PDB file of N, CA and C in Angstrom:
ATOM      1  N   UNK A   1       6.452  -0.116   4.209  1.00  0.00           N
ATOM      2  CA  UNK A   1       6.215   0.989   5.110  1.00  0.00           C
ATOM      3  C   UNK A   1       5.666   0.437   6.424  1.00  0.00           C
ATOM      4  N   UNK A   2       6.017   1.052   7.505  1.00  0.00           N
ATOM      5  CA  UNK A   2       5.542   0.620   8.820  1.00  0.00           C
ATOM      6  C   UNK A   2       4.120   1.105   9.051  1.00  0.00           C
ATOM      7  N   UNK A   3       3.305   0.247   9.653  1.00  0.00           N
ATOM      8  CA  UNK A   3       1.936   0.565  10.033  1.00  0.00           C
ATOM      9  C   UNK A   3       1.694  -0.137  11.360  1.00  0.00           C
ATOM     10  N   UNK A   4       2.022   0.531  12.464  1.00  0.00           N
ATOM     11  CA  UNK A   4       1.938  -0.112  13.771  1.00  0.00           C
ATOM     12  C   UNK A   4       2.914  -1.275  13.812  1.00  0.00           C
ATOM     13  N   UNK A   5       2.456  -2.459  14.217  1.00  0.00           N
ATOM     14  CA  UNK A   5       3.371  -3.600  14.290  1.00  0.00           C
ATOM     15  C   UNK A   5       3.632  -4.260  12.928  1.00  0.00           C
ATOM     16  N   UNK A   6       2.923  -3.804  11.905  1.00  0.00           N
ATOM     17  CA  UNK A   6       3.033  -4.416  10.582  1.00  0.00           C
ATOM     18  C   UNK A   6       4.025  -3.668   9.698  1.00  0.00           C
ATOM     19  N   UNK A   7       4.735  -4.432   8.897  1.00  0.00           N
ATOM     20  CA  UNK A   7       5.515  -3.848   7.823  1.00  0.00           C
ATOM     21  C   UNK A   7       4.771  -4.215   6.545  1.00  0.00           C
ATOM     22  N   UNK A   8       4.204  -3.212   5.861  1.00  0.00           N
ATOM     23  CA  UNK A   8       3.354  -3.430   4.689  1.00  0.00           C
ATOM     24  C   UNK A   8       4.126  -3.202   3.398  1.00  0.00           C
ATOM     25  N   UNK A   9       3.910  -4.115   2.463  1.00  0.00           N
ATOM     26  CA  UNK A   9       4.486  -3.979   1.130  1.00  0.00           C
ATOM     27  C   UNK A   9       3.315  -4.024   0.148  1.00  0.00           C
ATOM     28  N   UNK A  10       3.050  -2.907  -0.497  1.00  0.00           N
ATOM     29  CA  UNK A  10       1.918  -2.814  -1.413  1.00  0.00           C
ATOM     30  C   UNK A  10       2.349  -3.222  -2.819  1.00  0.00           C
ATOM     31  N   UNK A  11       1.520  -4.030  -3.431  1.00  0.00           N
ATOM     32  CA  UNK A  11       1.705  -4.482  -4.796  1.00  0.00           C
ATOM     33  C   UNK A  11       0.411  -4.228  -5.556  1.00  0.00           C
ATOM     34  N   UNK A  12       0.451  -4.320  -6.866  1.00  0.00           N
ATOM     35  CA  UNK A  12      -0.774  -4.167  -7.636  1.00  0.00           C
ATOM     36  C   UNK A  12      -1.632  -5.410  -7.437  1.00  0.00           C
ATOM     37  N   UNK A  13      -2.800  -5.222  -6.839  1.00  0.00           N
ATOM     38  CA  UNK A  13      -3.739  -6.315  -6.629  1.00  0.00           C
ATOM     39  C   UNK A  13      -3.608  -7.032  -5.293  1.00  0.00           C
ATOM     40  N   UNK A  14      -2.576  -6.726  -4.527  1.00  0.00           N
ATOM     41  CA  UNK A  14      -2.405  -7.360  -3.216  1.00  0.00           C
ATOM     42  C   UNK A  14      -1.379  -6.587  -2.389  1.00  0.00           C
ATOM     43  N   UNK A  15      -1.369  -6.885  -1.117  1.00  0.00           N
ATOM     44  CA  UNK A  15      -0.318  -6.359  -0.255  1.00  0.00           C
ATOM     45  C   UNK A  15       0.141  -7.465   0.678  1.00  0.00           C
ATOM     46  N   UNK A  16       1.370  -7.332   1.144  1.00  0.00           N
ATOM     47  CA  UNK A  16       1.964  -8.306   2.051  1.00  0.00           C
ATOM     48  C   UNK A  16       2.197  -7.603   3.380  1.00  0.00           C
ATOM     49  N   UNK A  17       1.716  -8.215   4.451  1.00  0.00           N
ATOM     50  CA  UNK A  17       1.924  -7.674   5.788  1.00  0.00           C
ATOM     51  C   UNK A  17       2.836  -8.621   6.556  1.00  0.00           C
ATOM     52  N   UNK A  18       3.936  -8.104   7.035  1.00  0.00           N
ATOM     53  CA  UNK A  18       4.873  -8.863   7.856  1.00  0.00           C
ATOM     54  C   UNK A  18       4.783  -8.362   9.289  1.00  0.00           C
ATOM     55  N   UNK A  19       5.059  -9.249  10.239  1.00  0.00           N
ATOM     56  CA  UNK A  19       5.094  -8.865  11.654  1.00  0.00           C
ATOM     57  C   UNK A  19       6.468  -9.239  12.202  1.00  0.00           C
ATOM     58  N   UNK A  20       7.476  -8.410  11.912  1.00  0.00           N
ATOM     59  CA  UNK A  20       8.808  -8.704  12.437  1.00  0.00           C
ATOM     60  C   UNK A  20       8.871  -8.429  13.938  1.00  0.00           C
ATOM     61  N   UNK A  21       9.852  -9.021  14.594  1.00  0.00           N
ATOM     62  CA  UNK A  21      10.037  -8.780  16.022  1.00  0.00           C
ATOM     63  C   UNK A  21      10.435  -7.336  16.273  1.00  0.00           C
ATOM     64  N   UNK A  22      10.108  -6.827  17.449  1.00  0.00           N
ATOM     65  CA  UNK A  22      10.447  -5.458  17.808  1.00  0.00           C
ATOM     66  C   UNK A  22      11.942  -5.210  17.693  1.00  0.00           C
ATOM     67  N   UNK A  23      12.319  -4.191  16.952  1.00  0.00           N
ATOM     68  CA  UNK A  23      13.715  -3.842  16.792  1.00  0.00           C
ATOM     69  C   UNK A  23      14.498  -4.747  15.852  1.00  0.00           C
ATOM     70  N   UNK A  24      13.821  -5.701  15.221  1.00  0.00           N
ATOM     71  CA  UNK A  24      14.499  -6.637  14.324  1.00  0.00           C
ATOM     72  C   UNK A  24      14.937  -5.921  13.049  1.00  0.00           C
ATOM     73  N   UNK A  25      16.143  -6.198  12.604  1.00  0.00           N
ATOM     74  CA  UNK A  25      16.673  -5.660  11.352  1.00  0.00           C
ATOM     75  C   UNK A  25      15.921  -6.337  10.202  1.00  0.00           C
ATOM     76  N   UNK A  26      15.215  -5.568   9.405  1.00  0.00           N
ATOM     77  CA  UNK A  26      14.403  -6.124   8.325  1.00  0.00           C
ATOM     78  C   UNK A  26      15.232  -6.875   7.288  1.00  0.00           C
ATOM     79  N   UNK A  27      16.493  -6.511   7.149  1.00  0.00           N
ATOM     80  CA  UNK A  27      17.361  -7.194   6.192  1.00  0.00           C
ATOM     81  C   UNK A  27      17.909  -8.508   6.741  1.00  0.00           C
ATOM     82  N   UNK A  28      17.699  -8.776   8.029  1.00  0.00           N
ATOM     83  CA  UNK A  28      18.216  -9.991   8.655  1.00  0.00           C
ATOM     84  C   UNK A  28      17.114 -10.911   9.177  1.00  0.00           C
ATOM     85  N   UNK A  29      15.855 -10.519   9.017  1.00  0.00           N
ATOM     86  CA  UNK A  29      14.735 -11.304   9.540  1.00  0.00           C
ATOM     87  C   UNK A  29      14.801 -12.737   9.019  1.00  0.00           C
ATOM     88  N   UNK A  30      14.629 -13.698   9.925  1.00  0.00           N
ATOM     89  CA  UNK A  30      14.717 -15.102   9.503  1.00  0.00           C
ATOM     90  C   UNK A  30      13.525 -15.932   9.974  1.00  0.00           C
ATOM     91  N   UNK A  31      12.553 -15.294  10.647  1.00  0.00           N
ATOM     92  CA  UNK A  31      11.361 -15.995  11.141  1.00  0.00           C
ATOM     93  C   UNK A  31      10.262 -14.955  11.321  1.00  0.00           C
ATOM     94  N   UNK A  32       9.342 -14.887  10.359  1.00  0.00           N
ATOM     95  CA  UNK A  32       8.362 -13.804  10.348  1.00  0.00           C
ATOM     96  C   UNK A  32       6.980 -14.331   9.972  1.00  0.00           C
ATOM     97  N   UNK A  33       5.985 -13.946  10.755  1.00  0.00           N
ATOM     98  CA  UNK A  33       4.594 -14.213  10.383  1.00  0.00           C
ATOM     99  C   UNK A  33       4.190 -13.192   9.326  1.00  0.00           C
ATOM    100  N   UNK A  34       3.335 -13.621   8.402  1.00  0.00           N
ATOM    101  CA  UNK A  34       2.930 -12.712   7.329  1.00  0.00           C
ATOM    102  C   UNK A  34       1.557 -13.074   6.802  1.00  0.00           C
ATOM    103  N   UNK A  35       0.950 -12.108   6.111  1.00  0.00           N
ATOM    104  CA  UNK A  35      -0.328 -12.285   5.432  1.00  0.00           C
ATOM    105  C   UNK A  35      -0.220 -11.676   4.045  1.00  0.00           C
ATOM    106  N   UNK A  36      -0.901 -12.284   3.113  1.00  0.00           N
ATOM    107  CA  UNK A  36      -1.111 -11.685   1.795  1.00  0.00           C
ATOM    108  C   UNK A  36      -2.597 -11.351   1.732  1.00  0.00           C
ATOM    109  N   UNK A  37      -2.895 -10.105   1.443  1.00  0.00           N
ATOM    110  CA  UNK A  37      -4.285  -9.660   1.345  1.00  0.00           C
ATOM    111  C   UNK A  37      -4.511  -9.160  -0.082  1.00  0.00           C
ATOM    112  N   UNK A  38      -5.435  -9.815  -0.767  1.00  0.00           N
ATOM    113  CA  UNK A  38      -5.731  -9.460  -2.151  1.00  0.00           C
ATOM    114  C   UNK A  38      -6.782  -8.352  -2.206  1.00  0.00           C
ATOM    115  N   UNK A  39      -6.860  -7.678  -3.338  1.00  0.00           N
ATOM    116  CA  UNK A  39      -7.798  -6.567  -3.520  1.00  0.00           C
ATOM    117  C   UNK A  39      -9.238  -6.997  -3.296  1.00  0.00           C
ATOM    118  N   UNK A  40      -9.555  -8.274  -3.537  1.00  0.00           N
ATOM    119  CA  UNK A  40     -10.921  -8.753  -3.317  1.00  0.00           C
ATOM    120  C   UNK A  40     -11.195  -9.083  -1.846  1.00  0.00           C
ATOM    121  N   UNK A  41     -10.196  -8.862  -0.980  1.00  0.00           N
ATOM    122  CA  UNK A  41     -10.361  -9.093   0.454  1.00  0.00           C
ATOM    123  C   UNK A  41      -9.903 -10.453   0.935  1.00  0.00           C
ATOM    124  N   UNK A  42      -9.643 -11.384   0.026  1.00  0.00           N
ATOM    125  CA  UNK A  42      -9.177 -12.701   0.453  1.00  0.00           C
ATOM    126  C   UNK A  42      -7.787 -12.599   1.061  1.00  0.00           C
ATOM    127  N   UNK A  43      -7.603 -13.371   2.141  1.00  0.00           N
ATOM    128  CA  UNK A  43      -6.352 -13.330   2.902  1.00  0.00           C
ATOM    129  C   UNK A  43      -5.734 -14.730   2.975  1.00  0.00           C
ATOM    130  N   UNK A  44      -4.416 -14.757   2.949  1.00  0.00           N
ATOM    131  CA  UNK A  44      -3.645 -15.985   3.076  1.00  0.00           C
ATOM    132  C   UNK A  44      -2.536 -15.716   4.077  1.00  0.00           C
ATOM    133  N   UNK A  45      -2.241 -16.690   4.926  1.00  0.00           N
ATOM    134  CA  UNK A  45      -1.221 -16.456   5.951  1.00  0.00           C
ATOM    135  C   UNK A  45      -0.137 -17.522   5.916  1.00  0.00           C
ATOM    136  N   UNK A  46       0.962 -17.181   6.529  1.00  0.00           N
ATOM    137  CA  UNK A  46       2.052 -18.128   6.654  1.00  0.00           C
ATOM    138  C   UNK A  46       3.110 -17.599   7.593  1.00  0.00           C
ATOM    139  N   UNK A  47       4.032 -18.468   7.923  1.00  0.00           N
ATOM    140  CA  UNK A  47       5.226 -18.088   8.669  1.00  0.00           C
ATOM    141  C   UNK A  47       6.404 -18.383   7.760  1.00  0.00           C
ATOM    142  N   UNK A  48       7.226 -17.384   7.532  1.00  0.00           N
ATOM    143  CA  UNK A  48       8.378 -17.532   6.662  1.00  0.00           C
ATOM    144  C   UNK A  48       9.608 -17.723   7.539  1.00  0.00           C
ATOM    145  N   UNK A  49      10.365 -18.773   7.252  1.00  0.00           N
ATOM    146  CA  UNK A  49      11.540 -19.110   8.048  1.00  0.00           C
ATOM    147  C   UNK A  49      12.677 -19.482   7.097  1.00  0.00           C
ATOM    148  N   UNK A  50      13.895 -19.089   7.460  1.00  0.00           N
ATOM    149  CA  UNK A  50      15.029 -19.409   6.600  1.00  0.00           C
ATOM    150  C   UNK A  50      15.497 -20.847   6.807  1.00  0.00           C
ATOM    151  N   UNK A  51      16.113 -21.368   5.773  1.00  0.00           N
ATOM    152  CA  UNK A  51      16.685 -22.706   5.816  1.00  0.00           C
ATOM    153  C   UNK A  51      17.733 -22.817   6.923  1.00  0.00           C
ATOM    154  N   UNK A  52      18.535 -21.768   7.108  1.00  0.00           N
ATOM    155  CA  UNK A  52      19.549 -21.794   8.175  1.00  0.00           C
ATOM    156  C   UNK A  52      18.910 -21.904   9.552  1.00  0.00           C
ATOM    157  N   UNK A  53      17.811 -21.214   9.774  1.00  0.00           N
ATOM    158  CA  UNK A  53      17.145 -21.305  11.074  1.00  0.00           C
ATOM    159  C   UNK A  53      16.560 -22.696  11.281  1.00  0.00           C
ATOM    160  N   UNK A  54      15.992 -23.273  10.241  1.00  0.00           N
ATOM    161  CA  UNK A  54      15.467 -24.639  10.344  1.00  0.00           C
ATOM    162  C   UNK A  54      16.607 -25.590  10.718  1.00  0.00           C
ATOM    163  N   UNK A  55      17.745 -25.425  10.081  1.00  0.00           N
ATOM    164  CA  UNK A  55      18.907 -26.266  10.392  1.00  0.00           C
ATOM    165  C   UNK A  55      19.316 -26.091  11.860  1.00  0.00           C
ATOM    166  N   UNK A  56      19.331 -24.856  12.338  1.00  0.00           N
ATOM    167  CA  UNK A  56      19.684 -24.601  13.746  1.00  0.00           C
ATOM    168  C   UNK A  56      18.698 -25.289  14.689  1.00  0.00           C
ATOM    169  N   UNK A  57      17.424 -25.194  14.372  1.00  0.00           N
ATOM    170  CA  UNK A  57      16.414 -25.811  15.223  1.00  0.00           C
ATOM    171  C   UNK A  57      16.528 -27.333  15.214  1.00  0.00           C
ATOM    172  N   UNK A  58      16.841 -27.896  14.064  1.00  0.00           N
ATOM    173  CA  UNK A  58      17.025 -29.345  13.996  1.00  0.00           C
ATOM    174  C   UNK A  58      18.272 -29.766  14.766  1.00  0.00           C
ATOM    175  N   UNK A  59      19.334 -28.984  14.668  1.00  0.00           N
ATOM    176  CA  UNK A  59      20.546 -29.274  15.439  1.00  0.00           C
ATOM    177  C   UNK A  59      20.272 -29.180  16.930  1.00  0.00           C
ATOM    178  N   UNK A  60      19.464 -28.201  17.322  1.00  0.00           N
ATOM    179  CA  UNK A  60      19.080 -28.054  18.732  1.00  0.00           C
ATOM    180  C   UNK A  60      18.320 -29.301  19.199  1.00  0.00           C
ATOM    181  N   UNK A  61      17.487 -29.860  18.318  1.00  0.00           N
ATOM    182  CA  UNK A  61      16.744 -31.070  18.649  1.00  0.00           C
ATOM    183  C   UNK A  61      17.657 -32.254  18.941  1.00  0.00           C
ATOM    184  N   UNK A  62      18.851 -32.272  18.354  1.00  0.00           N
ATOM    185  CA  UNK A  62      19.823 -33.325  18.662  1.00  0.00           C
ATOM    186  C   UNK A  62      20.160 -33.314  20.149  1.00  0.00           C
ATOM    187  N   UNK A  63      20.233 -32.114  20.713  1.00  0.00           N
ATOM    188  CA  UNK A  63      20.611 -31.962  22.125  1.00  0.00           C
ATOM    189  C   UNK A  63      19.444 -32.151  23.080  1.00  0.00           C
ATOM    190  N   UNK A  64      18.241 -31.774  22.623  1.00  0.00           N
ATOM    191  CA  UNK A  64      17.084 -31.835  23.519  1.00  0.00           C
ATOM    192  C   UNK A  64      16.298 -33.130  23.381  1.00  0.00           C
ATOM    193  N   UNK A  65      16.541 -33.867  22.303  1.00  0.00           N
ATOM    194  CA  UNK A  65      15.793 -35.097  22.064  1.00  0.00           C
ATOM    195  C   UNK A  65      14.478 -34.880  21.348  1.00  0.00           C
ATOM    196  N   UNK A  66      14.137 -33.616  21.083  1.00  0.00           N
ATOM    197  CA  UNK A  66      12.885 -33.325  20.386  1.00  0.00           C
ATOM    198  C   UNK A  66      12.951 -33.788  18.939  1.00  0.00           C
ATOM    199  N   UNK A  67      11.788 -34.075  18.387  1.00  0.00           N
ATOM    200  CA  UNK A  67      11.652 -34.455  16.969  1.00  0.00           C
ATOM    201  C   UNK A  67      12.630 -35.554  16.594  1.00  0.00           C
ATOM    202  N   UNK A  68      12.592 -36.606  17.408  1.00  0.00           N
ATOM    203  CA  UNK A  68      13.440 -37.774  17.171  1.00  0.00           C
ATOM    204  C   UNK A  68      14.906 -37.347  17.054  1.00  0.00           C
ATOM    205  N   UNK A  69      15.326 -36.593  18.086  1.00  0.00           N
ATOM    206  CA  UNK A  69      16.710 -36.102  18.154  1.00  0.00           C
ATOM    207  C   UNK A  69      17.101 -35.256  16.949  1.00  0.00           C
ATOM    208  N   UNK A  70      16.181 -34.406  16.528  1.00  0.00           N
ATOM    209  CA  UNK A  70      16.462 -33.500  15.417  1.00  0.00           C
ATOM    210  C   UNK A  70      16.382 -34.144  14.053  1.00  0.00           C
ATOM    211  N   UNK A  71      15.709 -35.271  13.943  1.00  0.00           N
ATOM    212  CA  UNK A  71      15.606 -35.973  12.662  1.00  0.00           C
ATOM    213  C   UNK A  71      14.611 -35.325  11.705  1.00  0.00           C
ATOM    214  N   UNK A  72      13.695 -34.527  12.235  1.00  0.00           N
ATOM    215  CA  UNK A  72      12.718 -33.862  11.367  1.00  0.00           C
ATOM    216  C   UNK A  72      12.319 -32.531  11.959  1.00  0.00           C
ATOM    217  N   UNK A  73      11.644 -31.735  11.143  1.00  0.00           N
ATOM    218  CA  UNK A  73      11.142 -30.430  11.559  1.00  0.00           C
ATOM    219  C   UNK A  73       9.857 -30.174  10.790  1.00  0.00           C
ATOM    220  N   UNK A  74       8.867 -29.642  11.463  1.00  0.00           N
ATOM    221  CA  UNK A  74       7.641 -29.256  10.770  1.00  0.00           C
ATOM    222  C   UNK A  74       7.011 -28.087  11.488  1.00  0.00           C
ATOM    223  N   UNK A  75       6.200 -27.361  10.753  1.00  0.00           N
ATOM    224  CA  UNK A  75       5.330 -26.348  11.334  1.00  0.00           C
ATOM    225  C   UNK A  75       4.223 -26.065  10.348  1.00  0.00           C
ATOM    226  N   UNK A  76       3.068 -25.725  10.909  1.00  0.00           N
ATOM    227  CA  UNK A  76       1.886 -25.528  10.096  1.00  0.00           C
ATOM    228  C   UNK A  76       1.971 -24.207   9.361  1.00  0.00           C
ATOM    229  N   UNK A  77       1.540 -24.137   8.174  1.00  0.00           N
ATOM    230  CA  UNK A  77       1.523 -22.985   7.271  1.00  0.00           C
ATOM    231  C   UNK A  77       2.895 -22.335   7.140  1.00  0.00           C
ATOM    232  N   UNK A  78       3.930 -23.182   7.108  1.00  0.00           N
ATOM    233  CA  UNK A  78       5.294 -22.681   7.034  1.00  0.00           C
ATOM    234  C   UNK A  78       5.834 -22.628   5.619  1.00  0.00           C
ATOM    235  N   UNK A  79       6.618 -21.618   5.376  1.00  0.00           N
ATOM    236  CA  UNK A  79       7.290 -21.420   4.108  1.00  0.00           C
ATOM    237  C   UNK A  79       8.772 -21.253   4.402  1.00  0.00           C
ATOM    238  N   UNK A  80       9.582 -22.126   3.869  1.00  0.00           N
ATOM    239  CA  UNK A  80      11.023 -22.069   4.102  1.00  0.00           C
ATOM    240  C   UNK A  80      11.678 -21.393   2.905  1.00  0.00           C
ATOM    241  N   UNK A  81      12.510 -20.403   3.213  1.00  0.00           N
ATOM    242  CA  UNK A  81      13.209 -19.651   2.178  1.00  0.00           C
ATOM    243  C   UNK A  81      14.717 -19.767   2.392  1.00  0.00           C
ATOM    244  N   UNK A  82      15.467 -19.560   1.348  1.00  0.00           N
ATOM    245  CA  UNK A  82      16.917 -19.667   1.441  1.00  0.00           C
ATOM    246  C   UNK A  82      17.536 -18.444   2.119  1.00  0.00           C
ATOM    247  N   UNK A  83      17.113 -17.249   1.712  1.00  0.00           N
ATOM    248  CA  UNK A  83      17.780 -16.025   2.155  1.00  0.00           C
ATOM    249  C   UNK A  83      16.979 -15.278   3.210  1.00  0.00           C
ATOM    250  N   UNK A  84      17.664 -14.688   4.197  1.00  0.00           N
ATOM    251  CA  UNK A  84      16.979 -13.892   5.221  1.00  0.00           C
ATOM    252  C   UNK A  84      16.597 -12.516   4.683  1.00  0.00           C
ATOM    253  N   UNK A  85      15.747 -11.847   5.433  1.00  0.00           N
ATOM    254  CA  UNK A  85      15.399 -10.465   5.136  1.00  0.00           C
ATOM    255  C   UNK A  85      14.051 -10.318   4.448  1.00  0.00           C
ATOM    256  N   UNK A  86      13.353  -9.259   4.827  1.00  0.00           N
ATOM    257  CA  UNK A  86      12.050  -8.958   4.239  1.00  0.00           C
ATOM    258  C   UNK A  86      12.153  -8.782   2.721  1.00  0.00           C
ATOM    259  N   UNK A  87      13.171  -8.071   2.196  1.00  0.00           N
ATOM    260  CA  UNK A  87      13.238  -7.931   0.737  1.00  0.00           C
ATOM    261  C   UNK A  87      13.308  -9.282   0.016  1.00  0.00           C
ATOM    262  N   UNK A  88      14.081 -10.222   0.532  1.00  0.00           N
ATOM    263  CA  UNK A  88      14.165 -11.551  -0.087  1.00  0.00           C
ATOM    264  C   UNK A  88      12.838 -12.289   0.038  1.00  0.00           C
ATOM    265  N   UNK A  89      12.180 -12.131   1.174  1.00  0.00           N
ATOM    266  CA  UNK A  89      10.889 -12.788   1.380  1.00  0.00           C
ATOM    267  C   UNK A  89       9.823 -12.204   0.460  1.00  0.00           C
ATOM    268  N   UNK A  90       9.870 -10.908   0.226  1.00  0.00           N
ATOM    269  CA  UNK A  90       8.927 -10.266  -0.698  1.00  0.00           C
ATOM    270  C   UNK A  90       9.096 -10.851  -2.094  1.00  0.00           C
ATOM    271  N   UNK A  91      10.337 -11.050  -2.535  1.00  0.00           N
ATOM    272  CA  UNK A  91      10.567 -11.642  -3.867  1.00  0.00           C
ATOM    273  C   UNK A  91       9.930 -13.027  -3.960  1.00  0.00           C
ATOM    274  N   UNK A  92      10.044 -13.810  -2.882  1.00  0.00           N
ATOM    275  CA  UNK A  92       9.452 -15.147  -2.871  1.00  0.00           C
ATOM    276  C   UNK A  92       7.926 -15.052  -2.938  1.00  0.00           C
ATOM    277  N   UNK A  93       7.341 -14.193  -2.112  1.00  0.00           N
ATOM    278  CA  UNK A  93       5.877 -14.047  -2.099  1.00  0.00           C
ATOM    279  C   UNK A  93       5.386 -13.556  -3.456  1.00  0.00           C
ATOM    280  N   UNK A  94       6.094 -12.591  -4.048  1.00  0.00           N
ATOM    281  CA  UNK A  94       5.717 -12.114  -5.382  1.00  0.00           C
ATOM    282  C   UNK A  94       5.700 -13.269  -6.385  1.00  0.00           C
ATOM    283  N   UNK A  95       6.696 -14.137  -6.319  1.00  0.00           N
ATOM    284  CA  UNK A  95       6.734 -15.281  -7.230  1.00  0.00           C
ATOM    285  C   UNK A  95       5.582 -16.239  -6.950  1.00  0.00           C
ATOM    286  N   UNK A  96       5.299 -16.495  -5.673  1.00  0.00           N
ATOM    287  CA  UNK A  96       4.186 -17.383  -5.329  1.00  0.00           C
ATOM    288  C   UNK A  96       2.861 -16.839  -5.858  1.00  0.00           C
ATOM    289  N   UNK A  97       2.675 -15.528  -5.760  1.00  0.00           N
ATOM    290  CA  UNK A  97       1.442 -14.923  -6.282  1.00  0.00           C
ATOM    291  C   UNK A  97       1.420 -15.006  -7.806  1.00  0.00           C
ATOM    292  N   UNK A  98       2.541 -14.684  -8.442  1.00  0.00           N
ATOM    293  CA  UNK A  98       2.593 -14.696  -9.909  1.00  0.00           C
ATOM    294  C   UNK A  98       2.321 -16.090 -10.479  1.00  0.00           C
ATOM    295  N   UNK A  99       2.789 -17.123  -9.788  1.00  0.00           N
ATOM    296  CA  UNK A  99       2.609 -18.492 -10.286  1.00  0.00           C
ATOM    297  C   UNK A  99       1.331 -19.149  -9.781  1.00  0.00           C
ATOM    298  N   UNK A 100       0.704 -18.527  -8.778  1.00  0.00           N
ATOM    299  CA  UNK A 100      -0.475 -19.125  -8.158  1.00  0.00           C
ATOM    300  C   UNK A 100      -0.134 -20.143  -7.077  1.00  0.00           C
ATOM    301  N   UNK A 101       1.154 -20.365  -6.849  1.00  0.00           N
ATOM    302  CA  UNK A 101       1.574 -21.356  -5.861  1.00  0.00           C
ATOM    303  C   UNK A 101       1.290 -20.942  -4.418  1.00  0.00           C
ATOM    304  N   UNK A 102       0.933 -19.679  -4.196  1.00  0.00           N
ATOM    305  CA  UNK A 102       0.563 -19.262  -2.843  1.00  0.00           C
ATOM    306  C   UNK A 102      -0.590 -20.118  -2.318  1.00  0.00           C
ATOM    307  N   UNK A 103      -1.418 -20.632  -3.223  1.00  0.00           N
ATOM    308  CA  UNK A 103      -2.563 -21.446  -2.815  1.00  0.00           C
ATOM    309  C   UNK A 103      -2.136 -22.777  -2.209  1.00  0.00           C
ATOM    310  N   UNK A 104      -0.935 -23.214  -2.506  1.00  0.00           N
ATOM    311  CA  UNK A 104      -0.396 -24.434  -1.900  1.00  0.00           C
ATOM    312  C   UNK A 104       0.525 -24.129  -0.729  1.00  0.00           C
ATOM    313  N   UNK A 105       1.227 -23.003  -0.795  1.00  0.00           N
ATOM    314  CA  UNK A 105       2.254 -22.684   0.204  1.00  0.00           C
ATOM    315  C   UNK A 105       1.696 -21.975   1.433  1.00  0.00           C
ATOM    316  N   UNK A 106       0.578 -21.266   1.296  1.00  0.00           N
ATOM    317  CA  UNK A 106       0.035 -20.478   2.404  1.00  0.00           C
ATOM    318  C   UNK A 106      -1.317 -21.026   2.831  1.00  0.00           C
ATOM    319  N   UNK A 107      -1.777 -20.570   3.980  1.00  0.00           N
ATOM    320  CA  UNK A 107      -3.056 -21.027   4.537  1.00  0.00           C
ATOM    321  C   UNK A 107      -4.151 -20.024   4.197  1.00  0.00           C
ATOM    322  N   UNK A 108      -5.256 -20.475   3.595  1.00  0.00           N
ATOM    323  CA  UNK A 108      -6.340 -19.550   3.268  1.00  0.00           C
ATOM    324  C   UNK A 108      -7.101 -19.132   4.528  1.00  0.00           C
ATOM    325  N   UNK A 109      -7.348 -17.843   4.642  1.00  0.00           N
ATOM    326  CA  UNK A 109      -8.122 -17.307   5.766  1.00  0.00           C
ATOM    327  C   UNK A 109      -9.480 -16.795   5.326  1.00  0.00           C
ATOM    328  N   UNK A 110      -9.673 -16.624   4.020  1.00  0.00           N
ATOM    329  CA  UNK A 110     -10.911 -16.050   3.523  1.00  0.00           C
ATOM    330  C   UNK A 110     -10.917 -14.559   3.701  1.00  0.00           C
ATOM    331  N   UNK A 111     -12.026 -13.936   3.339  1.00  0.00           N
ATOM    332  CA  UNK A 111     -12.101 -12.469   3.455  1.00  0.00           C
ATOM    333  C   UNK A 111     -12.278 -12.041   4.911  1.00  0.00           C
ATOM    334  N   UNK A 112     -11.792 -10.851   5.201  1.00  0.00           N
ATOM    335  CA  UNK A 112     -11.977 -10.281   6.526  1.00  0.00           C
ATOM    336  C   UNK A 112     -13.433  -9.902   6.684  1.00  0.00           C
ATOM    337  N   UNK A 113     -13.981 -10.116   7.882  1.00  0.00           N
ATOM    338  CA  UNK A 113     -15.345  -9.675   8.145  1.00  0.00           C
ATOM    339  C   UNK A 113     -15.375  -8.950   9.487  1.00  0.00           C
ATOM    340  N   UNK A 114     -16.537  -8.508   9.891  1.00  0.00           N
ATOM    341  CA  UNK A 114     -16.662  -7.709  11.114  1.00  0.00           C
ATOM    342  C   UNK A 114     -16.187  -8.453  12.345  1.00  0.00           C
ATOM    343  N   UNK A 115     -16.278  -9.773  12.361  1.00  0.00           N
ATOM    344  CA  UNK A 115     -15.827 -10.537  13.531  1.00  0.00           C
ATOM    345  C   UNK A 115     -14.320 -10.472  13.688  1.00  0.00           C
ATOM    346  N   UNK A 116     -13.582 -10.193  12.593  1.00  0.00           N
ATOM    347  CA  UNK A 116     -12.121 -10.122  12.646  1.00  0.00           C
ATOM    348  C   UNK A 116     -11.648  -8.777  13.172  1.00  0.00           C
ATOM    349  N   UNK A 117     -12.500  -7.786  13.145  1.00  0.00           N
ATOM    350  CA  UNK A 117     -12.086  -6.439  13.533  1.00  0.00           C
ATOM    351  C   UNK A 117     -11.919  -6.307  15.030  1.00  0.00           C
TER     352      UNK A 117
END
């Protein structure tokens, strides 16, 4: 459901907040910032990007000379997924939470406090 700039997906014990680009088709999203917020207030963040977009960016580096002519790609707190779209990304996040792997794949932010408001 939309909540201002956020697209919220509520789950039992946590919710996922995505920040898609304005007017972006949610089924085609390929680069989205997101947060997982647990019922205890702990928050984890990441940027979800598709494998195809990573490939495009690396190919672009061949032309610009960046990243050793496209030889590598990195970004902090990044999660690479195969399929585009918020629904596909939700399935991945659900699996990460179910397995506990979110603790390795996402960046811990800790609980929200008054300074964050």
